[in-house]
Amino acid sequence: MSQKSNINIQIELDEEKMPEIIEWNAPDGGVDGMQKAKGMLLGLWDGEEKSALRIDLWTKKMMVDEMNDFFYQTFLGMADTYLRATRNQELATELKEFGKSFHKKASAALEKENNQGN
């Protein structure tokens, strides 16, 4: 007998249809109450079309430094997932190194921008 599980995502939009509040829960995964998030990246694979589908949302409250950290942590998570799925240590390590390089460059660019604004 198959079992179903739900992950619920609710997006509250402002008058310009921009995300104002992102909330989610996963009752079957131990997350019962609605949890707030400033951003989300949802990727789905369509096996028939052989294409990726994405929903990328973030609120106006998400700061650039948070977006930099979000992408950095996403790259590291993707590397871990890729390693579990393929057992290709070399490419997983390469993706982690890219993530570290990305974060270093993104942080430097933000610092430069902040210093120019002062």
PDB file of N, CA and C in Angstrom:
ATOM      1  N   MET A   1       0.842  -1.182   0.000  1.00  0.00           N
ATOM      2  CA  MET A   1       0.000   0.000   0.000  1.00  0.00           C
ATOM      3  C   MET A   1       0.890   1.249   0.000  1.00  0.00           C
ATOM      4  N   SER A   2       0.631   2.148  -0.929  1.00  0.00           N
ATOM      5  CA  SER A   2       1.436   3.365  -0.983  1.00  0.00           C
ATOM      6  C   SER A   2       0.947   4.371   0.042  1.00  0.00           C
ATOM      7  N   GLN A   3       1.843   5.235   0.402  1.00  0.00           N
ATOM      8  CA  GLN A   3       1.546   6.255   1.389  1.00  0.00           C
ATOM      9  C   GLN A   3       1.780   7.621   0.761  1.00  0.00           C
ATOM     10  N   LYS A   4       0.975   8.594   1.125  1.00  0.00           N
ATOM     11  CA  LYS A   4       1.143   9.947   0.601  1.00  0.00           C
ATOM     12  C   LYS A   4       1.602  10.864   1.726  1.00  0.00           C
ATOM     13  N   SER A   5       2.339  11.890   1.331  1.00  0.00           N
ATOM     14  CA  SER A   5       2.843  12.875   2.270  1.00  0.00           C
ATOM     15  C   SER A   5       2.678  14.245   1.639  1.00  0.00           C
ATOM     16  N   ASN A   6       2.436  15.251   2.463  1.00  0.00           N
ATOM     17  CA  ASN A   6       2.219  16.607   1.945  1.00  0.00           C
ATOM     18  C   ASN A   6       3.291  17.567   2.436  1.00  0.00           C
ATOM     19  N   ILE A   7       3.682  18.451   1.541  1.00  0.00           N
ATOM     20  CA  ILE A   7       4.471  19.625   1.875  1.00  0.00           C
ATOM     21  C   ILE A   7       3.614  20.803   1.414  1.00  0.00           C
ATOM     22  N   ASN A   8       3.297  21.686   2.336  1.00  0.00           N
ATOM     23  CA  ASN A   8       2.399  22.801   2.034  1.00  0.00           C
ATOM     24  C   ASN A   8       3.173  24.104   2.000  1.00  0.00           C
ATOM     25  N   ILE A   9       2.925  24.905   0.974  1.00  0.00           N
ATOM     26  CA  ILE A   9       3.562  26.211   0.820  1.00  0.00           C
ATOM     27  C   ILE A   9       2.460  27.237   0.589  1.00  0.00           C
ATOM     28  N   GLN A  10       2.495  28.299   1.387  1.00  0.00           N
ATOM     29  CA  GLN A  10       1.535  29.389   1.223  1.00  0.00           C
ATOM     30  C   GLN A  10       2.305  30.680   0.964  1.00  0.00           C
ATOM     31  N   ILE A  11       1.865  31.415  -0.049  1.00  0.00           N
ATOM     32  CA  ILE A  11       2.506  32.672  -0.427  1.00  0.00           C
ATOM     33  C   ILE A  11       1.473  33.783  -0.297  1.00  0.00           C
ATOM     34  N   GLU A  12       1.796  34.786   0.498  1.00  0.00           N
ATOM     35  CA  GLU A  12       0.930  35.967   0.602  1.00  0.00           C
ATOM     36  C   GLU A  12       1.554  37.054  -0.262  1.00  0.00           C
ATOM     37  N   LEU A  13       0.774  37.591  -1.199  1.00  0.00           N
ATOM     38  CA  LEU A  13       1.262  38.581  -2.142  1.00  0.00           C
ATOM     39  C   LEU A  13       0.823  39.986  -1.745  1.00  0.00           C
ATOM     40  N   ASP A  14       1.647  40.981  -2.119  1.00  0.00           N
ATOM     41  CA  ASP A  14       1.236  42.373  -1.905  1.00  0.00           C
ATOM     42  C   ASP A  14       0.371  42.817  -3.079  1.00  0.00           C
ATOM     43  N   GLU A  15       0.033  44.086  -3.121  1.00  0.00           N
ATOM     44  CA  GLU A  15      -0.852  44.594  -4.174  1.00  0.00           C
ATOM     45  C   GLU A  15      -0.227  44.514  -5.563  1.00  0.00           C
ATOM     46  N   GLU A  16       1.104  44.404  -5.633  1.00  0.00           N
ATOM     47  CA  GLU A  16       1.794  44.269  -6.921  1.00  0.00           C
ATOM     48  C   GLU A  16       2.100  42.813  -7.263  1.00  0.00           C
ATOM     49  N   LYS A  17       1.489  41.908  -6.497  1.00  0.00           N
ATOM     50  CA  LYS A  17       1.655  40.459  -6.676  1.00  0.00           C
ATOM     51  C   LYS A  17       3.084  39.984  -6.438  1.00  0.00           C
ATOM     52  N   MET A  18       3.783  40.696  -5.545  1.00  0.00           N
ATOM     53  CA  MET A  18       5.125  40.293  -5.126  1.00  0.00           C
ATOM     54  C   MET A  18       4.996  39.552  -3.793  1.00  0.00           C
ATOM     55  N   PRO A  19       5.793  38.491  -3.584  1.00  0.00           N
ATOM     56  CA  PRO A  19       5.700  37.747  -2.323  1.00  0.00           C
ATOM     57  C   PRO A  19       5.997  38.626  -1.118  1.00  0.00           C
ATOM     58  N   GLU A  20       5.085  38.625  -0.179  1.00  0.00           N
ATOM     59  CA  GLU A  20       5.251  39.384   1.063  1.00  0.00           C
ATOM     60  C   GLU A  20       5.565  38.430   2.211  1.00  0.00           C
ATOM     61  N   ILE A  21       4.882  37.299   2.226  1.00  0.00           N
ATOM     62  CA  ILE A  21       5.092  36.290   3.265  1.00  0.00           C
ATOM     63  C   ILE A  21       5.132  34.919   2.587  1.00  0.00           C
ATOM     64  N   ILE A  22       6.151  34.144   2.934  1.00  0.00           N
ATOM     65  CA  ILE A  22       6.256  32.762   2.489  1.00  0.00           C
ATOM     66  C   ILE A  22       6.202  31.894   3.734  1.00  0.00           C
ATOM     67  N   GLU A  23       5.275  30.956   3.759  1.00  0.00           N
ATOM     68  CA  GLU A  23       5.151  30.032   4.888  1.00  0.00           C
ATOM     69  C   GLU A  23       5.038  28.610   4.350  1.00  0.00           C
ATOM     70  N   TRP A  24       5.519  27.656   5.134  1.00  0.00           N
ATOM     71  CA  TRP A  24       5.474  26.260   4.713  1.00  0.00           C
ATOM     72  C   TRP A  24       5.372  25.357   5.936  1.00  0.00           C
ATOM     73  N   ASN A  25       4.919  24.152   5.680  1.00  0.00           N
ATOM     74  CA  ASN A  25       4.978  23.106   6.694  1.00  0.00           C
ATOM     75  C   ASN A  25       5.013  21.752   6.014  1.00  0.00           C
ATOM     76  N   ALA A  26       5.445  20.767   6.766  1.00  0.00           N
ATOM     77  CA  ALA A  26       5.514  19.389   6.291  1.00  0.00           C
ATOM     78  C   ALA A  26       5.114  18.486   7.452  1.00  0.00           C
ATOM     79  N   PRO A  27       3.808  18.348   7.687  1.00  0.00           N
ATOM     80  CA  PRO A  27       3.323  17.620   8.872  1.00  0.00           C
ATOM     81  C   PRO A  27       3.876  16.198   8.983  1.00  0.00           C
ATOM     82  N   ASP A  28       4.029  15.512   7.868  1.00  0.00           N
ATOM     83  CA  ASP A  28       4.524  14.135   7.910  1.00  0.00           C
ATOM     84  C   ASP A  28       6.036  14.078   8.138  1.00  0.00           C
ATOM     85  N   GLY A  29       6.696  15.213   8.004  1.00  0.00           N
ATOM     86  CA  GLY A  29       8.136  15.283   8.226  1.00  0.00           C
ATOM     87  C   GLY A  29       8.486  15.905   9.558  1.00  0.00           C
ATOM     88  N   GLY A  30       7.490  16.084  10.402  1.00  0.00           N
ATOM     89  CA  GLY A  30       7.740  16.620  11.732  1.00  0.00           C
ATOM     90  C   GLY A  30       7.661  18.131  11.836  1.00  0.00           C
ATOM     91  N   VAL A  31       7.216  18.804  10.788  1.00  0.00           N
ATOM     92  CA  VAL A  31       7.074  20.262  10.819  1.00  0.00           C
ATOM     93  C   VAL A  31       5.587  20.566  10.734  1.00  0.00           C
ATOM     94  N   ASP A  32       4.950  20.669  11.891  1.00  0.00           N
ATOM     95  CA  ASP A  32       3.494  20.831  11.930  1.00  0.00           C
ATOM     96  C   ASP A  32       3.040  22.266  11.719  1.00  0.00           C
ATOM     97  N   GLY A  33       3.557  23.189  12.509  1.00  0.00           N
ATOM     98  CA  GLY A  33       3.122  24.574  12.391  1.00  0.00           C
ATOM     99  C   GLY A  33       3.718  25.243  11.177  1.00  0.00           C
ATOM    100  N   MET A  34       3.068  26.299  10.709  1.00  0.00           N
ATOM    101  CA  MET A  34       3.581  27.033   9.555  1.00  0.00           C
ATOM    102  C   MET A  34       4.890  27.725   9.931  1.00  0.00           C
ATOM    103  N   GLN A  35       5.894  27.550   9.087  1.00  0.00           N
ATOM    104  CA  GLN A  35       7.221  28.135   9.275  1.00  0.00           C
ATOM    105  C   GLN A  35       7.407  29.254   8.265  1.00  0.00           C
ATOM    106  N   LYS A  36       7.990  30.358   8.708  1.00  0.00           N
ATOM    107  CA  LYS A  36       8.236  31.482   7.802  1.00  0.00           C
ATOM    108  C   LYS A  36       9.553  31.277   7.056  1.00  0.00           C
ATOM    109  N   ALA A  37       9.607  31.785   5.841  1.00  0.00           N
ATOM    110  CA  ALA A  37      10.823  31.773   5.032  1.00  0.00           C
ATOM    111  C   ALA A  37      10.882  33.077   4.255  1.00  0.00           C
ATOM    112  N   LYS A  38      12.085  33.564   4.005  1.00  0.00           N
ATOM    113  CA  LYS A  38      12.246  34.769   3.187  1.00  0.00           C
ATOM    114  C   LYS A  38      12.431  34.433   1.713  1.00  0.00           C
ATOM    115  N   GLY A  39      12.797  33.195   1.431  1.00  0.00           N
ATOM    116  CA  GLY A  39      13.002  32.804   0.046  1.00  0.00           C
ATOM    117  C   GLY A  39      12.843  31.311  -0.127  1.00  0.00           C
ATOM    118  N   MET A  40      12.638  30.905  -1.369  1.00  0.00           N
ATOM    119  CA  MET A  40      12.530  29.478  -1.684  1.00  0.00           C
ATOM    120  C   MET A  40      12.961  29.231  -3.121  1.00  0.00           C
ATOM    121  N   LEU A  41      13.558  28.073  -3.330  1.00  0.00           N
ATOM    122  CA  LEU A  41      13.914  27.595  -4.657  1.00  0.00           C
ATOM    123  C   LEU A  41      13.338  26.197  -4.750  1.00  0.00           C
ATOM    124  N   LEU A  42      12.370  26.012  -5.612  1.00  0.00           N
ATOM    125  CA  LEU A  42      11.742  24.709  -5.774  1.00  0.00           C
ATOM    126  C   LEU A  42      12.046  24.211  -7.182  1.00  0.00           C
ATOM    127  N   GLY A  43      12.686  23.059  -7.263  1.00  0.00           N
ATOM    128  CA  GLY A  43      13.001  22.472  -8.559  1.00  0.00           C
ATOM    129  C   GLY A  43      12.298  21.139  -8.713  1.00  0.00           C
ATOM    130  N   LEU A  44      11.679  20.950  -9.848  1.00  0.00           N
ATOM    131  CA  LEU A  44      10.984  19.701 -10.147  1.00  0.00           C
ATOM    132  C   LEU A  44      11.499  19.177 -11.480  1.00  0.00           C
ATOM    133  N   TRP A  45      11.608  17.856 -11.614  1.00  0.00           N
ATOM    134  CA  TRP A  45      12.065  17.255 -12.863  1.00  0.00           C
ATOM    135  C   TRP A  45      10.892  16.609 -13.577  1.00  0.00           C
ATOM    136  N   ASP A  46      10.633  17.042 -14.794  1.00  0.00           N
ATOM    137  CA  ASP A  46       9.605  16.449 -15.638  1.00  0.00           C
ATOM    138  C   ASP A  46      10.279  15.371 -16.476  1.00  0.00           C
ATOM    139  N   GLY A  47      10.093  14.106 -16.082  1.00  0.00           N
ATOM    140  CA  GLY A  47      10.749  13.003 -16.758  1.00  0.00           C
ATOM    141  C   GLY A  47      10.283  12.798 -18.188  1.00  0.00           C
ATOM    142  N   GLU A  48       9.028  13.097 -18.455  1.00  0.00           N
ATOM    143  CA  GLU A  48       8.518  12.936 -19.822  1.00  0.00           C
ATOM    144  C   GLU A  48       9.106  13.976 -20.765  1.00  0.00           C
ATOM    145  N   GLU A  49       9.154  15.212 -20.304  1.00  0.00           N
ATOM    146  CA  GLU A  49       9.682  16.304 -21.135  1.00  0.00           C
ATOM    147  C   GLU A  49      11.198  16.436 -21.017  1.00  0.00           C
ATOM    148  N   LYS A  50      11.780  15.739 -20.049  1.00  0.00           N
ATOM    149  CA  LYS A  50      13.217  15.828 -19.778  1.00  0.00           C
ATOM    150  C   LYS A  50      13.640  17.277 -19.556  1.00  0.00           C
ATOM    151  N   SER A  51      12.893  17.947 -18.681  1.00  0.00           N
ATOM    152  CA  SER A  51      13.206  19.347 -18.403  1.00  0.00           C
ATOM    153  C   SER A  51      12.938  19.665 -16.934  1.00  0.00           C
ATOM    154  N   ALA A  52      13.676  20.655 -16.460  1.00  0.00           N
ATOM    155  CA  ALA A  52      13.526  21.116 -15.087  1.00  0.00           C
ATOM    156  C   ALA A  52      12.488  22.226 -15.038  1.00  0.00           C
ATOM    157  N   LEU A  53      11.680  22.192 -14.013  1.00  0.00           N
ATOM    158  CA  LEU A  53      10.690  23.243 -13.756  1.00  0.00           C
ATOM    159  C   LEU A  53      11.094  23.906 -12.441  1.00  0.00           C
ATOM    160  N   ARG A  54      10.970  25.220 -12.371  1.00  0.00           N
ATOM    161  CA  ARG A  54      11.418  25.933 -11.174  1.00  0.00           C
ATOM    162  C   ARG A  54      10.386  26.931 -10.709  1.00  0.00           C
ATOM    163  N   ILE A  55      10.357  27.099  -9.405  1.00  0.00           N
ATOM    164  CA  ILE A  55       9.634  28.196  -8.781  1.00  0.00           C
ATOM    165  C   ILE A  55      10.622  28.845  -7.822  1.00  0.00           C
ATOM    166  N   ASP A  56      11.049  30.050  -8.119  1.00  0.00           N
ATOM    167  CA  ASP A  56      12.000  30.788  -7.300  1.00  0.00           C
ATOM    168  C   ASP A  56      11.303  32.034  -6.784  1.00  0.00           C
ATOM    169  N   LEU A  57      11.155  32.121  -5.476  1.00  0.00           N
ATOM    170  CA  LEU A  57      10.471  33.269  -4.873  1.00  0.00           C
ATOM    171  C   LEU A  57      11.268  33.777  -3.687  1.00  0.00           C
ATOM    172  N   TRP A  58      11.199  35.081  -3.453  1.00  0.00           N
ATOM    173  CA  TRP A  58      11.775  35.663  -2.251  1.00  0.00           C
ATOM    174  C   TRP A  58      10.991  36.915  -1.903  1.00  0.00           C
ATOM    175  N   THR A  59      11.004  37.241  -0.623  1.00  0.00           N
ATOM    176  CA  THR A  59      10.261  38.416  -0.166  1.00  0.00           C
ATOM    177  C   THR A  59      11.138  39.661  -0.276  1.00  0.00           C
ATOM    178  N   LYS A  60      10.481  40.813  -0.174  1.00  0.00           N
ATOM    179  CA  LYS A  60      11.205  42.083  -0.200  1.00  0.00           C
ATOM    180  C   LYS A  60      12.102  42.230   1.019  1.00  0.00           C
ATOM    181  N   LYS A  61      11.824  41.473   2.066  1.00  0.00           N
ATOM    182  CA  LYS A  61      12.604  41.555   3.305  1.00  0.00           C
ATOM    183  C   LYS A  61      13.930  40.808   3.216  1.00  0.00           C
ATOM    184  N   MET A  62      14.119  40.016   2.173  1.00  0.00           N
ATOM    185  CA  MET A  62      15.357  39.252   2.042  1.00  0.00           C
ATOM    186  C   MET A  62      16.471  40.167   1.564  1.00  0.00           C
ATOM    187  N   MET A  63      17.512  40.260   2.373  1.00  0.00           N
ATOM    188  CA  MET A  63      18.644  41.133   2.071  1.00  0.00           C
ATOM    189  C   MET A  63      19.625  40.416   1.133  1.00  0.00           C
ATOM    190  N   VAL A  64      20.462  41.181   0.459  1.00  0.00           N
ATOM    191  CA  VAL A  64      21.413  40.613  -0.497  1.00  0.00           C
ATOM    192  C   VAL A  64      22.373  39.648   0.205  1.00  0.00           C
ATOM    193  N   ASP A  65      22.851  39.987   1.403  1.00  0.00           N
ATOM    194  CA  ASP A  65      23.754  39.073   2.104  1.00  0.00           C
ATOM    195  C   ASP A  65      23.053  37.756   2.437  1.00  0.00           C
ATOM    196  N   GLU A  66      21.759  37.816   2.714  1.00  0.00           N
ATOM    197  CA  GLU A  66      20.996  36.594   2.961  1.00  0.00           C
ATOM    198  C   GLU A  66      20.855  35.777   1.672  1.00  0.00           C
ATOM    199  N   MET A  67      20.644  36.451   0.547  1.00  0.00           N
ATOM    200  CA  MET A  67      20.546  35.754  -0.734  1.00  0.00           C
ATOM    201  C   MET A  67      21.878  35.084  -1.063  1.00  0.00           C
ATOM    202  N   ASN A  68      22.991  35.778  -0.783  1.00  0.00           N
ATOM    203  CA  ASN A  68      24.305  35.185  -1.010  1.00  0.00           C
ATOM    204  C   ASN A  68      24.477  33.912  -0.180  1.00  0.00           C
ATOM    205  N   ASP A  69      24.112  33.978   1.100  1.00  0.00           N
ATOM    206  CA  ASP A  69      24.213  32.806   1.977  1.00  0.00           C
ATOM    207  C   ASP A  69      23.273  31.700   1.527  1.00  0.00           C
ATOM    208  N   PHE A  70      22.074  32.072   1.099  1.00  0.00           N
ATOM    209  CA  PHE A  70      21.074  31.113   0.632  1.00  0.00           C
ATOM    210  C   PHE A  70      21.610  30.324  -0.570  1.00  0.00           C
ATOM    211  N   PHE A  71      22.178  31.032  -1.539  1.00  0.00           N
ATOM    212  CA  PHE A  71      22.723  30.355  -2.712  1.00  0.00           C
ATOM    213  C   PHE A  71      23.915  29.491  -2.341  1.00  0.00           C
ATOM    214  N   TYR A  72      24.795  30.003  -1.474  1.00  0.00           N
ATOM    215  CA  TYR A  72      25.952  29.230  -1.034  1.00  0.00           C
ATOM    216  C   TYR A  72      25.503  27.918  -0.391  1.00  0.00           C
ATOM    217  N   GLN A  73      24.574  28.003   0.544  1.00  0.00           N
ATOM    218  CA  GLN A  73      24.101  26.798   1.218  1.00  0.00           C
ATOM    219  C   GLN A  73      23.355  25.876   0.259  1.00  0.00           C
ATOM    220  N   THR A  74      22.671  26.451  -0.727  1.00  0.00           N
ATOM    221  CA  THR A  74      21.971  25.641  -1.730  1.00  0.00           C
ATOM    222  C   THR A  74      22.975  24.862  -2.576  1.00  0.00           C
ATOM    223  N   PHE A  75      24.066  25.518  -2.991  1.00  0.00           N
ATOM    224  CA  PHE A  75      25.101  24.814  -3.759  1.00  0.00           C
ATOM    225  C   PHE A  75      25.671  23.646  -2.963  1.00  0.00           C
ATOM    226  N   LEU A  76      25.954  23.869  -1.661  1.00  0.00           N
ATOM    227  CA  LEU A  76      26.502  22.794  -0.834  1.00  0.00           C
ATOM    228  C   LEU A  76      25.489  21.657  -0.687  1.00  0.00           C
ATOM    229  N   GLY A  77      24.223  22.012  -0.500  1.00  0.00           N
ATOM    230  CA  GLY A  77      23.181  20.993  -0.399  1.00  0.00           C
ATOM    231  C   GLY A  77      23.016  20.213  -1.693  1.00  0.00           C
ATOM    232  N   MET A  78      23.095  20.917  -2.818  1.00  0.00           N
ATOM    233  CA  MET A  78      23.003  20.247  -4.116  1.00  0.00           C
ATOM    234  C   MET A  78      24.160  19.271  -4.290  1.00  0.00           C
ATOM    235  N   ALA A  79      25.346  19.668  -3.848  1.00  0.00           N
ATOM    236  CA  ALA A  79      26.513  18.784  -3.958  1.00  0.00           C
ATOM    237  C   ALA A  79      26.297  17.521  -3.136  1.00  0.00           C
ATOM    238  N   ASP A  80      25.770  17.664  -1.916  1.00  0.00           N
ATOM    239  CA  ASP A  80      25.498  16.495  -1.074  1.00  0.00           C
ATOM    240  C   ASP A  80      24.457  15.581  -1.722  1.00  0.00           C
ATOM    241  N   THR A  81      23.395  16.182  -2.256  1.00  0.00           N
ATOM    242  CA  THR A  81      22.348  15.399  -2.918  1.00  0.00           C
ATOM    243  C   THR A  81      22.904  14.686  -4.145  1.00  0.00           C
ATOM    244  N   TYR A  82      23.695  15.407  -4.933  1.00  0.00           N
ATOM    245  CA  TYR A  82      24.286  14.822  -6.136  1.00  0.00           C
ATOM    246  C   TYR A  82      25.182  13.630  -5.771  1.00  0.00           C
ATOM    247  N   LEU A  83      25.956  13.777  -4.697  1.00  0.00           N
ATOM    248  CA  LEU A  83      26.830  12.688  -4.258  1.00  0.00           C
ATOM    249  C   LEU A  83      26.018  11.459  -3.838  1.00  0.00           C
ATOM    250  N   ARG A  84      24.957  11.674  -3.068  1.00  0.00           N
ATOM    251  CA  ARG A  84      24.101  10.549  -2.646  1.00  0.00           C
ATOM    252  C   ARG A  84      23.451   9.864  -3.847  1.00  0.00           C
ATOM    253  N   ALA A  85      23.061  10.651  -4.846  1.00  0.00           N
ATOM    254  CA  ALA A  85      22.348  10.097  -6.001  1.00  0.00           C
ATOM    255  C   ALA A  85      23.274   9.412  -7.000  1.00  0.00           C
ATOM    256  N   THR A  86      24.497   9.932  -7.152  1.00  0.00           N
ATOM    257  CA  THR A  86      25.385   9.431  -8.211  1.00  0.00           C
ATOM    258  C   THR A  86      26.653   8.762  -7.696  1.00  0.00           C
ATOM    259  N   ARG A  87      27.009   9.044  -6.462  1.00  0.00           N
ATOM    260  CA  ARG A  87      28.282   8.581  -5.861  1.00  0.00           C
ATOM    261  C   ARG A  87      29.504   9.133  -6.592  1.00  0.00           C
ATOM    262  N   ASN A  88      29.312  10.247  -7.301  1.00  0.00           N
ATOM    263  CA  ASN A  88      30.415  10.880  -8.035  1.00  0.00           C
ATOM    264  C   ASN A  88      31.048  11.939  -7.124  1.00  0.00           C
ATOM    265  N   GLN A  89      32.039  11.504  -6.348  1.00  0.00           N
ATOM    266  CA  GLN A  89      32.703  12.379  -5.381  1.00  0.00           C
ATOM    267  C   GLN A  89      33.400  13.555  -6.055  1.00  0.00           C
ATOM    268  N   GLU A  90      34.022  13.301  -7.202  1.00  0.00           N
ATOM    269  CA  GLU A  90      34.782  14.348  -7.893  1.00  0.00           C
ATOM    270  C   GLU A  90      33.886  15.529  -8.277  1.00  0.00           C
ATOM    271  N   LEU A  91      32.738  15.254  -8.890  1.00  0.00           N
ATOM    272  CA  LEU A  91      31.847  16.353  -9.293  1.00  0.00           C
ATOM    273  C   LEU A  91      31.159  16.996  -8.096  1.00  0.00           C
ATOM    274  N   ALA A  92      30.851  16.221  -7.068  1.00  0.00           N
ATOM    275  CA  ALA A  92      30.256  16.798  -5.858  1.00  0.00           C
ATOM    276  C   ALA A  92      31.238  17.764  -5.203  1.00  0.00           C
ATOM    277  N   THR A  93      32.505  17.373  -5.142  1.00  0.00           N
ATOM    278  CA  THR A  93      33.542  18.248  -4.575  1.00  0.00           C
ATOM    279  C   THR A  93      33.699  19.502  -5.417  1.00  0.00           C
ATOM    280  N   GLU A  94      33.652  19.349  -6.736  1.00  0.00           N
ATOM    281  CA  GLU A  94      33.762  20.502  -7.635  1.00  0.00           C
ATOM    282  C   GLU A  94      32.617  21.487  -7.412  1.00  0.00           C
ATOM    283  N   LEU A  95      31.421  20.967  -7.217  1.00  0.00           N
ATOM    284  CA  LEU A  95      30.272  21.844  -6.960  1.00  0.00           C
ATOM    285  C   LEU A  95      30.433  22.571  -5.628  1.00  0.00           C
ATOM    286  N   LYS A  96      30.943  21.893  -4.613  1.00  0.00           N
ATOM    287  CA  LYS A  96      31.182  22.552  -3.321  1.00  0.00           C
ATOM    288  C   LYS A  96      32.242  23.641  -3.457  1.00  0.00           C
ATOM    289  N   GLU A  97      33.284  23.361  -4.221  1.00  0.00           N
ATOM    290  CA  GLU A  97      34.328  24.373  -4.428  1.00  0.00           C
ATOM    291  C   GLU A  97      33.769  25.578  -5.177  1.00  0.00           C
ATOM    292  N   PHE A  98      32.910  25.322  -6.158  1.00  0.00           N
ATOM    293  CA  PHE A  98      32.257  26.434  -6.856  1.00  0.00           C
ATOM    294  C   PHE A  98      31.433  27.257  -5.861  1.00  0.00           C
ATOM    295  N   GLY A  99      30.684  26.582  -4.996  1.00  0.00           N
ATOM    296  CA  GLY A  99      29.875  27.282  -4.003  1.00  0.00           C
ATOM    297  C   GLY A  99      30.722  28.172  -3.106  1.00  0.00           C
ATOM    298  N   LYS A 100      31.860  27.667  -2.671  1.00  0.00           N
ATOM    299  CA  LYS A 100      32.759  28.457  -1.814  1.00  0.00           C
ATOM    300  C   LYS A 100      33.302  29.664  -2.575  1.00  0.00           C
ATOM    301  N   SER A 101      33.693  29.453  -3.836  1.00  0.00           N
ATOM    302  CA  SER A 101      34.197  30.549  -4.659  1.00  0.00           C
ATOM    303  C   SER A 101      33.099  31.587  -4.898  1.00  0.00           C
ATOM    304  N   PHE A 102      31.900  31.114  -5.207  1.00  0.00           N
ATOM    305  CA  PHE A 102      30.761  32.006  -5.414  1.00  0.00           C
ATOM    306  C   PHE A 102      30.527  32.867  -4.181  1.00  0.00           C
ATOM    307  N   HIS A 103      30.510  32.239  -3.002  1.00  0.00           N
ATOM    308  CA  HIS A 103      30.223  32.967  -1.766  1.00  0.00           C
ATOM    309  C   HIS A 103      31.298  34.010  -1.486  1.00  0.00           C
ATOM    310  N   LYS A 104      32.533  33.655  -1.722  1.00  0.00           N
ATOM    311  CA  LYS A 104      33.630  34.596  -1.501  1.00  0.00           C
ATOM    312  C   LYS A 104      33.487  35.802  -2.431  1.00  0.00           C
ATOM    313  N   LYS A 105      33.216  35.562  -3.709  1.00  0.00           N
ATOM    314  CA  LYS A 105      33.064  36.653  -4.676  1.00  0.00           C
ATOM    315  C   LYS A 105      31.813  37.483  -4.400  1.00  0.00           C
ATOM    316  N   ALA A 106      30.720  36.831  -4.038  1.00  0.00           N
ATOM    317  CA  ALA A 106      29.473  37.552  -3.756  1.00  0.00           C
ATOM    318  C   ALA A 106      29.639  38.431  -2.522  1.00  0.00           C
ATOM    319  N   SER A 107      30.325  37.916  -1.509  1.00  0.00           N
ATOM    320  CA  SER A 107      30.558  38.698  -0.290  1.00  0.00           C
ATOM    321  C   SER A 107      31.460  39.888  -0.576  1.00  0.00           C
ATOM    322  N   ALA A 108      32.496  39.688  -1.382  1.00  0.00           N
ATOM    323  CA  ALA A 108      33.395  40.783  -1.744  1.00  0.00           C
ATOM    324  C   ALA A 108      32.662  41.850  -2.549  1.00  0.00           C
ATOM    325  N   ALA A 109      31.809  41.427  -3.480  1.00  0.00           N
ATOM    326  CA  ALA A 109      31.048  42.390  -4.289  1.00  0.00           C
ATOM    327  C   ALA A 109      30.101  43.195  -3.416  1.00  0.00           C
ATOM    328  N   LEU A 110      29.460  42.547  -2.454  1.00  0.00           N
ATOM    329  CA  LEU A 110      28.546  43.260  -1.555  1.00  0.00           C
ATOM    330  C   LEU A 110      29.313  44.246  -0.682  1.00  0.00           C
ATOM    331  N   GLU A 111      30.462  43.823  -0.181  1.00  0.00           N
ATOM    332  CA  GLU A 111      31.277  44.716   0.651  1.00  0.00           C
ATOM    333  C   GLU A 111      31.733  45.928  -0.147  1.00  0.00           C
ATOM    334  N   LYS A 112      32.141  45.698  -1.396  1.00  0.00           N
ATOM    335  CA  LYS A 112      32.566  46.801  -2.260  1.00  0.00           C
ATOM    336  C   LYS A 112      31.414  47.770  -2.495  1.00  0.00           C
ATOM    337  N   GLU A 113      30.227  47.209  -2.772  1.00  0.00           N
ATOM    338  CA  GLU A 113      29.044  48.055  -2.991  1.00  0.00           C
ATOM    339  C   GLU A 113      28.697  48.851  -1.744  1.00  0.00           C
ATOM    340  N   ASN A 114      28.778  48.215  -0.590  1.00  0.00           N
ATOM    341  CA  ASN A 114      28.477  48.911   0.665  1.00  0.00           C
ATOM    342  C   ASN A 114      29.475  50.022   0.952  1.00  0.00           C
ATOM    343  N   ASN A 115      30.751  49.775   0.632  1.00  0.00           N
ATOM    344  CA  ASN A 115      31.780  50.798   0.856  1.00  0.00           C
ATOM    345  C   ASN A 115      31.631  51.975  -0.090  1.00  0.00           C
ATOM    346  N   GLN A 116      31.151  51.735  -1.315  1.00  0.00           N
ATOM    347  CA  GLN A 116      30.930  52.819  -2.271  1.00  0.00           C
ATOM    348  C   GLN A 116      29.732  53.669  -1.878  1.00  0.00           C
ATOM    349  N   GLY A 117      28.794  53.071  -1.151  1.00  0.00           N
ATOM    350  CA  GLY A 117      27.590  53.790  -0.742  1.00  0.00           C
ATOM    351  C   GLY A 117      27.828  54.691   0.451  1.00  0.00           C
ATOM    352  N   ASN A 118      28.957  54.548   1.119  1.00  0.00           N
ATOM    353  CA  ASN A 118      29.252  55.364   2.314  1.00  0.00           C
ATOM    354  C   ASN A 118      29.996  56.610   1.982  1.00  0.00           C
TER     355      ASN A 118
END
